[in-house]
Amino acid sequence: LSNMGIRNLIVTGIYTDQCVSSTVRS
């Protein structure tokens, strides 16, 4: 993401309370 200049992530997928949430927090 840094190399691509990405600063904003639109997050989707499963499971909301597990991998999605962990990724969002990170």
PDB file of all heavy atoms in Angstrom:
ATOM      1  N   LEU A   1       0.828  -1.208   0.000  1.00  0.00           N
ATOM      2  CA  LEU A   1       0.000   0.000   0.000  1.00  0.00           C
ATOM      3  C   LEU A   1       0.860   1.256   0.000  1.00  0.00           C
ATOM      4  O   LEU A   1       0.560   2.235  -0.693  1.00  0.00           O
ATOM      5  CB  LEU A   1      -0.927  -0.010   1.223  1.00  0.00           C
ATOM      6  CG  LEU A   1      -1.963  -1.136   1.275  1.00  0.00           C
ATOM      7  CD1 LEU A   1      -2.688  -1.114   2.619  1.00  0.00           C
ATOM      8  CD2 LEU A   1      -2.952  -1.029   0.122  1.00  0.00           C
ATOM      9  N   SER A   2       1.931   1.234   0.773  1.00  0.00           N
ATOM     10  CA  SER A   2       2.844   2.380   0.815  1.00  0.00           C
ATOM     11  C   SER A   2       3.467   2.626  -0.549  1.00  0.00           C
ATOM     12  O   SER A   2       3.538   3.769  -1.028  1.00  0.00           O
ATOM     13  CB  SER A   2       3.928   2.137   1.866  1.00  0.00           C
ATOM     14  OG  SER A   2       4.867   3.199   1.876  1.00  0.00           O
ATOM     15  N   ASN A   3       3.915   1.569  -1.196  1.00  0.00           N
ATOM     16  CA  ASN A   3       4.536   1.708  -2.514  1.00  0.00           C
ATOM     17  C   ASN A   3       3.552   2.234  -3.561  1.00  0.00           C
ATOM     18  O   ASN A   3       3.936   2.950  -4.489  1.00  0.00           O
ATOM     19  CB  ASN A   3       5.086   0.355  -2.981  1.00  0.00           C
ATOM     20  CG  ASN A   3       6.288  -0.094  -2.190  1.00  0.00           C
ATOM     21  OD1 ASN A   3       6.897   0.691  -1.471  1.00  0.00           O
ATOM     22  ND2 ASN A   3       6.630  -1.368  -2.300  1.00  0.00           N
ATOM     23  N   MET A   4       2.275   1.889  -3.399  1.00  0.00           N
ATOM     24  CA  MET A   4       1.239   2.312  -4.350  1.00  0.00           C
ATOM     25  C   MET A   4       0.690   3.699  -4.036  1.00  0.00           C
ATOM     26  O   MET A   4      -0.084   4.243  -4.823  1.00  0.00           O
ATOM     27  CB  MET A   4       0.092   1.298  -4.350  1.00  0.00           C
ATOM     28  CG  MET A   4       0.471  -0.075  -4.877  1.00  0.00           C
ATOM     29  SD  MET A   4      -0.846  -1.310  -4.593  1.00  0.00           S
ATOM     30  CE  MET A   4      -2.176  -0.642  -5.598  1.00  0.00           C
ATOM     31  N   GLY A   5       1.052   4.245  -2.883  1.00  0.00           N
ATOM     32  CA  GLY A   5       0.527   5.549  -2.487  1.00  0.00           C
ATOM     33  C   GLY A   5      -0.908   5.499  -1.988  1.00  0.00           C
ATOM     34  O   GLY A   5      -1.609   6.513  -1.990  1.00  0.00           O
ATOM     35  N   ILE A   6      -1.353   4.313  -1.539  1.00  0.00           N
ATOM     36  CA  ILE A   6      -2.720   4.150  -1.043  1.00  0.00           C
ATOM     37  C   ILE A   6      -2.792   4.587   0.415  1.00  0.00           C
ATOM     38  O   ILE A   6      -2.022   4.121   1.254  1.00  0.00           O
ATOM     39  CB  ILE A   6      -3.187   2.685  -1.171  1.00  0.00           C
ATOM     40  CG1 ILE A   6      -3.188   2.231  -2.637  1.00  0.00           C
ATOM     41  CG2 ILE A   6      -4.578   2.507  -0.549  1.00  0.00           C
ATOM     42  CD1 ILE A   6      -4.134   2.982  -3.525  1.00  0.00           C
ATOM     43  N   ARG A   7      -3.735   5.472   0.718  1.00  0.00           N
ATOM     44  CA  ARG A   7      -3.947   5.936   2.084  1.00  0.00           C
ATOM     45  C   ARG A   7      -5.347   5.618   2.606  1.00  0.00           C
ATOM     46  O   ARG A   7      -5.591   5.707   3.807  1.00  0.00           O
ATOM     47  CB  ARG A   7      -3.730   7.464   2.171  1.00  0.00           C
ATOM     48  CG  ARG A   7      -2.343   7.931   1.804  1.00  0.00           C
ATOM     49  CD  ARG A   7      -1.272   7.278   2.652  1.00  0.00           C
ATOM     50  NE  ARG A   7      -1.577   7.321   4.089  1.00  0.00           N
ATOM     51  CZ  ARG A   7      -1.003   6.527   4.989  1.00  0.00           C
ATOM     52  NH1 ARG A   7      -0.149   5.612   4.620  1.00  0.00           N
ATOM     53  NH2 ARG A   7      -1.317   6.634   6.272  1.00  0.00           N
ATOM     54  N   ASN A   8      -6.260   5.255   1.700  1.00  0.00           N
ATOM     55  CA  ASN A   8      -7.658   5.008   2.071  1.00  0.00           C
ATOM     56  C   ASN A   8      -8.049   3.595   1.652  1.00  0.00           C
ATOM     57  O   ASN A   8      -7.882   3.226   0.485  1.00  0.00           O
ATOM     58  CB  ASN A   8      -8.588   6.006   1.378  1.00  0.00           C
ATOM     59  CG  ASN A   8      -8.105   7.434   1.506  1.00  0.00           C
ATOM     60  OD1 ASN A   8      -7.890   7.926   2.605  1.00  0.00           O
ATOM     61  ND2 ASN A   8      -7.922   8.094   0.372  1.00  0.00           N
ATOM     62  N   LEU A   9      -8.583   2.818   2.584  1.00  0.00           N
ATOM     63  CA  LEU A   9      -9.005   1.456   2.289  1.00  0.00           C
ATOM     64  C   LEU A   9     -10.498   1.306   2.502  1.00  0.00           C
ATOM     65  O   LEU A   9     -11.026   1.670   3.559  1.00  0.00           O
ATOM     66  CB  LEU A   9      -8.278   0.452   3.190  1.00  0.00           C
ATOM     67  CG  LEU A   9      -6.886  -0.019   2.748  1.00  0.00           C
ATOM     68  CD1 LEU A   9      -6.945  -0.700   1.389  1.00  0.00           C
ATOM     69  CD2 LEU A   9      -5.875   1.098   2.751  1.00  0.00           C
ATOM     70  N   ILE A  10     -11.160   0.783   1.484  1.00  0.00           N
ATOM     71  CA  ILE A  10     -12.578   0.436   1.563  1.00  0.00           C
ATOM     72  C   ILE A  10     -12.630  -1.059   1.877  1.00  0.00           C
ATOM     73  O   ILE A  10     -12.283  -1.886   1.037  1.00  0.00           O
ATOM     74  CB  ILE A  10     -13.307   0.742   0.243  1.00  0.00           C
ATOM     75  CG1 ILE A  10     -12.963   2.152  -0.269  1.00  0.00           C
ATOM     76  CG2 ILE A  10     -14.800   0.538   0.412  1.00  0.00           C
ATOM     77  CD1 ILE A  10     -13.285   3.270   0.695  1.00  0.00           C
ATOM     78  N   VAL A  11     -13.033  -1.407   3.088  1.00  0.00           N
ATOM     79  CA  VAL A  11     -12.898  -2.781   3.576  1.00  0.00           C
ATOM     80  C   VAL A  11     -14.234  -3.522   3.485  1.00  0.00           C
ATOM     81  O   VAL A  11     -15.287  -3.002   3.865  1.00  0.00           O
ATOM     82  CB  VAL A  11     -12.376  -2.796   5.020  1.00  0.00           C
ATOM     83  CG1 VAL A  11     -12.353  -4.212   5.577  1.00  0.00           C
ATOM     84  CG2 VAL A  11     -10.973  -2.184   5.078  1.00  0.00           C
ATOM     85  N   THR A  12     -14.152  -4.769   3.003  1.00  0.00           N
ATOM     86  CA  THR A  12     -15.312  -5.641   2.836  1.00  0.00           C
ATOM     87  C   THR A  12     -14.905  -7.070   3.188  1.00  0.00           C
ATOM     88  O   THR A  12     -13.713  -7.363   3.318  1.00  0.00           O
ATOM     89  CB  THR A  12     -15.825  -5.617   1.388  1.00  0.00           C
ATOM     90  OG1 THR A  12     -14.782  -6.147   0.528  1.00  0.00           O
ATOM     91  CG2 THR A  12     -16.151  -4.205   0.928  1.00  0.00           C
ATOM     92  N   GLY A  13     -15.898  -7.963   3.322  1.00  0.00           N
ATOM     93  CA  GLY A  13     -15.580  -9.380   3.473  1.00  0.00           C
ATOM     94  C   GLY A  13     -16.126 -10.009   4.738  1.00  0.00           C
ATOM     95  O   GLY A  13     -17.060  -9.509   5.355  1.00  0.00           O
ATOM     96  N   ILE A  14     -15.505 -11.127   5.129  1.00  0.00           N
ATOM     97  CA  ILE A  14     -15.935 -11.880   6.311  1.00  0.00           C
ATOM     98  C   ILE A  14     -14.713 -12.264   7.150  1.00  0.00           C
ATOM     99  O   ILE A  14     -13.599 -12.319   6.630  1.00  0.00           O
ATOM    100  CB  ILE A  14     -16.751 -13.132   5.931  1.00  0.00           C
ATOM    101  CG1 ILE A  14     -15.938 -14.065   5.019  1.00  0.00           C
ATOM    102  CG2 ILE A  14     -18.044 -12.744   5.265  1.00  0.00           C
ATOM    103  CD1 ILE A  14     -16.643 -15.369   4.687  1.00  0.00           C
ATOM    104  N   TYR A  15     -14.908 -12.447   8.417  1.00  0.00           N
ATOM    105  CA  TYR A  15     -16.119 -12.225   9.200  1.00  0.00           C
ATOM    106  C   TYR A  15     -15.987 -10.876   9.890  1.00  0.00           C
ATOM    107  O   TYR A  15     -14.902 -10.539  10.366  1.00  0.00           O
ATOM    108  CB  TYR A  15     -16.318 -13.343  10.209  1.00  0.00           C
ATOM    109  CG  TYR A  15     -16.591 -14.677   9.521  1.00  0.00           C
ATOM    110  CD1 TYR A  15     -15.544 -15.485   9.076  1.00  0.00           C
ATOM    111  CD2 TYR A  15     -17.905 -15.095   9.299  1.00  0.00           C
ATOM    112  CE1 TYR A  15     -15.803 -16.673   8.434  1.00  0.00           C
ATOM    113  CE2 TYR A  15     -18.167 -16.299   8.670  1.00  0.00           C
ATOM    114  CZ  TYR A  15     -17.116 -17.081   8.230  1.00  0.00           C
ATOM    115  OH  TYR A  15     -17.370 -18.273   7.586  1.00  0.00           O
ATOM    116  N   THR A  16     -17.082 -10.127   9.984  1.00  0.00           N
ATOM    117  CA  THR A  16     -17.032  -8.755  10.491  1.00  0.00           C
ATOM    118  C   THR A  16     -16.319  -8.657  11.825  1.00  0.00           C
ATOM    119  O   THR A  16     -15.501  -7.753  12.046  1.00  0.00           O
ATOM    120  CB  THR A  16     -18.463  -8.204  10.666  1.00  0.00           C
ATOM    121  OG1 THR A  16     -19.234  -8.478   9.495  1.00  0.00           O
ATOM    122  CG2 THR A  16     -18.440  -6.713  10.934  1.00  0.00           C
ATOM    123  N   ASP A  17     -16.619  -9.592  12.728  1.00  0.00           N
ATOM    124  CA  ASP A  17     -16.108  -9.528  14.096  1.00  0.00           C
ATOM    125  C   ASP A  17     -14.769 -10.224  14.273  1.00  0.00           C
ATOM    126  O   ASP A  17     -14.244 -10.277  15.391  1.00  0.00           O
ATOM    127  CB  ASP A  17     -17.130 -10.139  15.064  1.00  0.00           C
ATOM    128  CG  ASP A  17     -17.511 -11.564  14.676  1.00  0.00           C
ATOM    129  OD1 ASP A  17     -17.517 -11.887  13.471  1.00  0.00           O
ATOM    130  OD2 ASP A  17     -17.818 -12.359  15.578  1.00  0.00           O
ATOM    131  N   GLN A  18     -14.194 -10.726  13.188  1.00  0.00           N
ATOM    132  CA  GLN A  18     -12.923 -11.444  13.310  1.00  0.00           C
ATOM    133  C   GLN A  18     -11.885 -10.851  12.345  1.00  0.00           C
ATOM    134  O   GLN A  18     -11.277  -9.834  12.655  1.00  0.00           O
ATOM    135  CB  GLN A  18     -13.145 -12.942  13.103  1.00  0.00           C
ATOM    136  CG  GLN A  18     -14.086 -13.505  14.176  1.00  0.00           C
ATOM    137  CD  GLN A  18     -14.110 -15.009  14.220  1.00  0.00           C
ATOM    138  OE1 GLN A  18     -13.128 -15.690  13.956  1.00  0.00           O
ATOM    139  NE2 GLN A  18     -15.261 -15.558  14.574  1.00  0.00           N
ATOM    140  N   CYS A  19     -11.693 -11.452  11.187  1.00  0.00           N
ATOM    141  CA  CYS A  19     -10.630 -10.986  10.287  1.00  0.00           C
ATOM    142  C   CYS A  19     -10.882  -9.574   9.770  1.00  0.00           C
ATOM    143  O   CYS A  19      -9.935  -8.797   9.585  1.00  0.00           O
ATOM    144  CB  CYS A  19     -10.472 -11.956   9.134  1.00  0.00           C
ATOM    145  SG  CYS A  19      -9.806 -13.554   9.656  1.00  0.00           S
ATOM    146  N   VAL A  20     -12.132  -9.221   9.516  1.00  0.00           N
ATOM    147  CA  VAL A  20     -12.435  -7.862   9.055  1.00  0.00           C
ATOM    148  C   VAL A  20     -12.075  -6.854  10.136  1.00  0.00           C
ATOM    149  O   VAL A  20     -11.374  -5.868   9.894  1.00  0.00           O
ATOM    150  CB  VAL A  20     -13.919  -7.736   8.643  1.00  0.00           C
ATOM    151  CG1 VAL A  20     -14.282  -6.280   8.382  1.00  0.00           C
ATOM    152  CG2 VAL A  20     -14.186  -8.578   7.390  1.00  0.00           C
ATOM    153  N   SER A  21     -12.541  -7.106  11.360  1.00  0.00           N
ATOM    154  CA  SER A  21     -12.261  -6.198  12.464  1.00  0.00           C
ATOM    155  C   SER A  21     -10.768  -6.108  12.760  1.00  0.00           C
ATOM    156  O   SER A  21     -10.231  -5.015  12.981  1.00  0.00           O
ATOM    157  CB  SER A  21     -13.010  -6.654  13.724  1.00  0.00           C
ATOM    158  OG  SER A  21     -12.715  -5.826  14.825  1.00  0.00           O
ATOM    159  N   SER A  22     -10.077  -7.243  12.755  1.00  0.00           N
ATOM    160  CA  SER A  22      -8.638  -7.234  13.013  1.00  0.00           C
ATOM    161  C   SER A  22      -7.895  -6.405  11.970  1.00  0.00           C
ATOM    162  O   SER A  22      -6.976  -5.648  12.298  1.00  0.00           O
ATOM    163  CB  SER A  22      -8.092  -8.663  13.013  1.00  0.00           C
ATOM    164  OG  SER A  22      -8.576  -9.389  14.119  1.00  0.00           O
ATOM    165  N   THR A  23      -8.307  -6.529  10.721  1.00  0.00           N
ATOM    166  CA  THR A  23      -7.671  -5.765   9.652  1.00  0.00           C
ATOM    167  C   THR A  23      -7.970  -4.280   9.788  1.00  0.00           C
ATOM    168  O   THR A  23      -7.078  -3.436   9.629  1.00  0.00           O
ATOM    169  CB  THR A  23      -8.138  -6.286   8.281  1.00  0.00           C
ATOM    170  OG1 THR A  23      -7.797  -7.674   8.159  1.00  0.00           O
ATOM    171  CG2 THR A  23      -7.489  -5.502   7.154  1.00  0.00           C
ATOM    172  N   VAL A  24      -9.218  -3.947  10.072  1.00  0.00           N
ATOM    173  CA  VAL A  24      -9.601  -2.543  10.250  1.00  0.00           C
ATOM    174  C   VAL A  24      -8.775  -1.905  11.354  1.00  0.00           C
ATOM    175  O   VAL A  24      -8.236  -0.794  11.204  1.00  0.00           O
ATOM    176  CB  VAL A  24     -11.106  -2.428  10.554  1.00  0.00           C
ATOM    177  CG1 VAL A  24     -11.451  -1.037  11.081  1.00  0.00           C
ATOM    178  CG2 VAL A  24     -11.932  -2.740   9.310  1.00  0.00           C
ATOM    179  N   ARG A  25      -8.649  -2.578  12.481  1.00  0.00           N
ATOM    180  CA  ARG A  25      -7.894  -2.037  13.610  1.00  0.00           C
ATOM    181  C   ARG A  25      -6.420  -1.860  13.256  1.00  0.00           C
ATOM    182  O   ARG A  25      -5.797  -0.853  13.612  1.00  0.00           O
ATOM    183  CB  ARG A  25      -8.059  -2.946  14.830  1.00  0.00           C
ATOM    184  CG  ARG A  25      -9.463  -2.915  15.439  1.00  0.00           C
ATOM    185  CD  ARG A  25      -9.664  -4.071  16.412  1.00  0.00           C
ATOM    186  NE  ARG A  25     -11.014  -4.075  16.957  1.00  0.00           N
ATOM    187  CZ  ARG A  25     -11.338  -3.635  18.167  1.00  0.00           C
ATOM    188  NH1 ARG A  25     -10.410  -3.109  18.944  1.00  0.00           N
ATOM    189  NH2 ARG A  25     -12.582  -3.698  18.598  1.00  0.00           N
ATOM    190  N   SER A  26      -5.857  -2.845  12.567  1.00  0.00           N
ATOM    191  CA  SER A  26      -4.448  -2.743  12.168  1.00  0.00           C
ATOM    192  C   SER A  26      -4.227  -1.582  11.201  1.00  0.00           C
ATOM    193  O   SER A  26      -3.242  -0.844  11.320  1.00  0.00           O
ATOM    194  CB  SER A  26      -3.987  -4.056  11.518  1.00  0.00           C
ATOM    195  OG  SER A  26      -4.019  -5.121  12.440  1.00  0.00           O
TER     196      SER A  26
END
